[in-house]
N, C-alpha and C. Protein backbone atom coordinates (compact mmCIF):
# COMPACT_ATOMS: atom_id res chain seq x y z
N UNK A 1 7.15 -7.68 1.98
CA UNK A 1 5.84 -8.40 2.55
C UNK A 1 5.26 -7.52 3.49
N UNK A 2 3.71 -7.35 3.40
CA UNK A 2 3.68 -6.61 4.82
C UNK A 2 3.51 -7.70 5.56
N UNK A 3 3.61 -7.09 6.77
CA UNK A 3 3.12 -7.46 8.48
C UNK A 3 2.25 -7.44 8.92
N UNK A 4 0.78 -7.89 9.02
CA UNK A 4 -0.52 -7.47 9.10
C UNK A 4 -0.63 -6.71 10.90
N UNK A 5 0.96 -7.13 11.78
CA UNK A 5 0.73 -6.74 13.12
C UNK A 5 1.74 -4.84 12.65
N UNK A 6 2.08 -4.52 12.09
CA UNK A 6 2.26 -3.79 11.58
C UNK A 6 1.46 -2.21 11.74
N UNK A 7 1.56 -1.54 12.75
CA UNK A 7 1.07 -0.76 12.62
C UNK A 7 1.53 1.00 12.19
N UNK A 8 2.42 0.72 11.60
CA UNK A 8 3.76 1.68 10.82
C UNK A 8 3.28 1.34 9.46
N UNK A 9 3.47 1.97 8.31
CA UNK A 9 3.72 1.26 7.02
C UNK A 9 5.28 2.27 6.96
N UNK A 10 6.03 2.42 6.02
CA UNK A 10 7.16 3.53 5.25
C UNK A 10 7.49 2.66 4.65
N UNK A 11 6.57 3.53 3.64
CA UNK A 11 6.89 3.73 1.87
C UNK A 11 8.58 4.53 1.28
N UNK A 12 9.07 3.48 1.16
CA UNK A 12 10.41 4.13 0.68
C UNK A 12 11.28 3.66 -0.48
N UNK A 13 12.57 4.00 -1.18
CA UNK A 13 12.79 3.86 -2.00
C UNK A 13 14.50 3.94 -1.25
N UNK A 14 14.96 2.43 -2.03
CA UNK A 14 17.05 2.77 -2.30
C UNK A 14 17.22 3.80 -1.98
N UNK A 15 18.09 4.43 -1.47
CA UNK A 15 19.71 4.84 -2.17
C UNK A 15 18.79 6.21 -1.27
N UNK A 16 17.94 6.18 -0.41
CA UNK A 16 16.94 8.23 -0.44
C UNK A 16 17.36 8.28 1.05
N UNK A 17 18.27 8.96 0.97
CA UNK A 17 19.16 9.72 2.86
C UNK A 17 17.75 9.84 3.17
N UNK A 18 16.75 10.76 2.59
CA UNK A 18 15.14 11.40 3.81
C UNK A 18 14.80 9.83 4.51
N UNK A 19 14.95 8.86 3.53
CA UNK A 19 14.05 7.01 3.73
C UNK A 19 14.94 7.18 5.19
N UNK A 20 16.37 6.67 4.83
CA UNK A 20 17.12 6.49 5.88
C UNK A 20 16.80 7.45 7.31
N UNK A 21 16.65 8.49 6.84
CA UNK A 21 16.52 9.57 8.14
C UNK A 21 14.99 9.05 8.98
N UNK A 22 14.11 9.14 8.07
CA UNK A 22 12.63 8.33 8.35
C UNK A 22 12.60 6.88 9.45
N UNK A 23 13.64 6.03 8.75
CA UNK A 23 13.50 4.65 9.23
C UNK A 23 14.21 5.02 10.42
N UNK A 24 15.28 5.59 10.53
CA UNK A 24 16.37 5.44 12.30
C UNK A 24 14.93 6.13 13.38
N UNK A 25 14.32 7.35 12.84
CA UNK A 25 13.06 7.44 13.91
C UNK A 25 11.76 6.93 14.03
N UNK A 26 11.57 6.02 12.84
CA UNK A 26 10.11 4.81 12.61
C UNK A 26 10.66 4.02 13.83
N UNK A 27 12.33 3.41 13.73
CA UNK A 27 12.54 2.30 14.28
C UNK A 27 12.60 2.49 15.78
N UNK A 28 13.66 3.73 15.96
CA UNK A 28 13.81 3.89 17.42
C UNK A 28 12.55 4.41 18.80
N UNK A 29 11.07 4.91 17.69
CA UNK A 29 9.88 5.00 18.61
C UNK A 29 8.93 3.40 18.44
N UNK A 30 9.52 2.99 17.51
CA UNK A 30 8.87 2.07 17.43
C UNK A 30 9.06 1.18 18.94
N UNK A 31 10.40 0.84 18.85
CA UNK A 31 11.30 0.06 20.05
C UNK A 31 10.96 0.65 21.48
N UNK A 32 10.75 1.79 21.57
CA UNK A 32 10.38 2.29 22.62
C UNK A 32 9.34 2.00 22.91
N UNK A 33 8.03 2.47 21.38
CA UNK A 33 6.27 1.62 22.27
C UNK A 33 6.15 0.78 22.35
N UNK A 34 7.09 -0.61 21.19
CA UNK A 34 6.52 -2.33 21.42
C UNK A 34 6.04 -2.23 20.66
N UNK A 35 6.04 -1.62 19.48
CA UNK A 35 5.10 -1.10 18.07
C UNK A 35 6.00 -1.77 17.12
N UNK A 36 5.55 -2.52 16.25
CA UNK A 36 6.10 -3.07 15.19
C UNK A 36 5.92 -1.95 13.76
N UNK A 37 6.28 -2.11 12.78
CA UNK A 37 6.65 -1.03 11.28
C UNK A 37 7.05 -2.51 10.04
N UNK A 38 6.44 -1.92 9.27
CA UNK A 38 7.19 -2.68 7.85
C UNK A 38 7.59 -0.98 6.66
N UNK A 39 8.65 -1.83 6.56
CA UNK A 39 8.90 -0.87 5.19
C UNK A 39 8.78 -1.33 3.76
N UNK A 40 8.63 -0.92 2.96
CA UNK A 40 7.65 -1.44 1.08
C UNK A 40 8.07 -0.48 0.16
N UNK A 41 9.25 -0.58 -0.30
CA UNK A 41 9.84 -0.20 -1.59
C UNK A 41 9.49 0.17 -2.27
N UNK A 42 8.69 1.39 -3.39
CA UNK A 42 7.94 1.98 -4.08
C UNK A 42 8.92 1.41 -5.57
N UNK A 43 10.43 0.95 -5.53
CA UNK A 43 10.50 1.21 -6.97
C UNK A 43 10.01 -0.28 -7.54
N UNK A 44 9.42 -1.53 -6.50
CA UNK A 44 8.84 -2.06 -6.41
C UNK A 44 7.43 -2.49 -6.89
N UNK A 45 6.86 -1.73 -6.61
CA UNK A 45 4.89 -1.70 -7.43
C UNK A 45 4.85 0.17 -8.15
N UNK A 46 4.80 0.00 -9.65
CA UNK A 46 4.63 1.07 -10.62
C UNK A 46 2.99 1.71 -10.01
N UNK A 47 2.58 1.31 -9.09
CA UNK A 47 1.35 2.30 -8.91
C UNK A 47 1.82 3.02 -7.53
N UNK A 48 2.77 2.34 -6.88
CA UNK A 48 3.27 3.25 -5.55
C UNK A 48 4.20 4.19 -6.36
N UNK A 49 4.91 3.69 -6.80
CA UNK A 49 6.38 4.93 -7.82
C UNK A 49 5.36 6.07 -8.01
N UNK A 50 4.34 6.00 -8.73
CA UNK A 50 3.19 6.72 -9.25
C UNK A 50 2.89 7.69 -8.23
N UNK A 51 1.80 7.28 -7.29
CA UNK A 51 1.24 7.50 -6.27
C UNK A 51 2.49 8.62 -4.98
N UNK A 52 3.57 7.74 -5.03
CA UNK A 52 4.49 8.39 -4.12
C UNK A 52 5.99 9.03 -4.28
N UNK A 53 5.74 8.74 -5.80
CA UNK A 53 7.33 9.40 -6.12
C UNK A 53 8.07 11.01 -5.51
N UNK A 54 7.23 12.03 -5.43
CA UNK A 54 7.53 13.14 -4.71
C UNK A 54 7.75 13.68 -3.17
N UNK A 55 7.10 12.60 -2.48
CA UNK A 55 7.06 12.86 -1.35
C UNK A 55 7.62 11.83 -0.73
N UNK A 56 8.26 10.79 -1.16
CA UNK A 56 9.35 9.52 -0.34
C UNK A 56 10.07 10.80 0.82
N UNK A 57 9.92 10.11 1.84
CA UNK A 57 9.65 8.76 2.67
C UNK A 57 8.23 9.29 2.86
N UNK A 58 7.11 8.00 2.87
CA UNK A 58 5.81 8.49 3.14
C UNK A 58 5.54 7.34 4.31
N UNK A 59 4.80 8.30 5.48
CA UNK A 59 4.55 7.38 6.78
C UNK A 59 3.09 7.63 7.30
N UNK A 60 2.73 5.77 6.90
CA UNK A 60 1.37 5.69 7.56
C UNK A 60 1.68 4.85 8.71
N UNK A 61 0.22 5.30 9.33
CA UNK A 61 -0.28 4.91 10.79
C UNK A 61 -1.29 4.51 10.79
N UNK A 62 -1.79 3.10 10.97
CA UNK A 62 -2.92 2.65 11.03
C UNK A 62 -3.78 2.89 9.64
N UNK A 63 -2.97 2.62 9.01
CA UNK A 63 -4.08 2.79 7.45
C UNK A 63 -3.62 4.32 6.91
N UNK A 64 -3.43 5.41 7.66
CA UNK A 64 -3.81 6.16 7.33
C UNK A 64 -2.45 7.46 6.81
N UNK A 65 -2.64 8.05 6.04
CA UNK A 65 -1.19 8.92 5.81
C UNK A 65 -0.65 9.99 7.18
N UNK A 66 -0.16 9.79 7.58
CA UNK A 66 0.37 10.16 8.83
C UNK A 66 1.76 11.22 8.55
N UNK A 67 3.01 11.58 7.23
CA UNK A 67 4.13 12.18 7.15
C UNK A 67 4.32 11.92 6.02
N UNK A 68 5.49 12.87 4.84
CA UNK A 68 6.11 12.63 4.41
C UNK A 68 6.56 13.26 4.38
N UNK A 69 8.33 12.78 3.61
CA UNK A 69 9.17 13.86 3.72
C UNK A 69 10.19 13.84 4.67
N UNK A 70 9.82 14.10 6.14
CA UNK A 70 10.10 13.92 7.36
C UNK A 70 9.03 13.41 8.55
N UNK A 71 9.85 12.86 9.10
CA UNK A 71 9.24 11.75 10.47
C UNK A 71 9.21 12.65 11.77
N UNK A 72 8.60 13.11 12.30
CA UNK A 72 8.78 13.69 13.53
C UNK A 72 8.15 12.83 14.90
N UNK A 73 9.33 12.84 15.62
CA UNK A 73 9.40 11.40 16.57
C UNK A 73 8.21 11.83 17.51
N UNK A 74 7.51 13.03 17.92
CA UNK A 74 7.13 13.29 19.13
C UNK A 74 5.67 13.16 18.52
N UNK A 75 5.50 13.47 16.89
CA UNK A 75 4.29 13.65 15.82
C UNK A 75 3.57 11.90 16.06
N UNK A 76 5.14 11.34 16.38
CA UNK A 76 4.46 9.83 15.27
C UNK A 76 3.82 9.11 16.75
N UNK A 77 4.82 9.45 18.28
CA UNK A 77 4.33 8.72 19.55
C UNK A 77 2.69 9.22 19.86
N UNK A 78 2.63 10.71 19.24
CA UNK A 78 1.07 11.10 19.87
C UNK A 78 0.23 9.80 19.07
N UNK A 79 0.26 9.58 17.20
CA UNK A 79 0.03 9.41 16.69
C UNK A 79 -0.51 7.32 17.58
N UNK A 80 0.87 7.26 17.92
CA UNK A 80 0.35 5.83 18.16
C UNK A 80 -0.32 5.89 19.27
N UNK A 81 -0.09 6.49 19.98
CA UNK A 81 -0.56 6.67 21.73
C UNK A 81 -2.06 7.15 21.39
N UNK A 82 -2.67 7.78 20.54
CA UNK A 82 -3.70 7.74 19.97
C UNK A 82 -4.86 6.74 19.71
């Protein structure tokens, strides 16, 4: 379910170790800045599977693609502050 208050969206897949790493960074940065995030499994949507299969995890900030594969905490902080 999409949280309309969330500025960060993490597209992921169960069992993905890079997704676990990205989730940890996003959770920490969002908690630090008082921001919300939502996580969406691409396995629940064939269109998302087709779009992101080779790039997960994929992070969006304010509706725009921000990162894929890895999330840099400093870069995420800057995007949320900007």
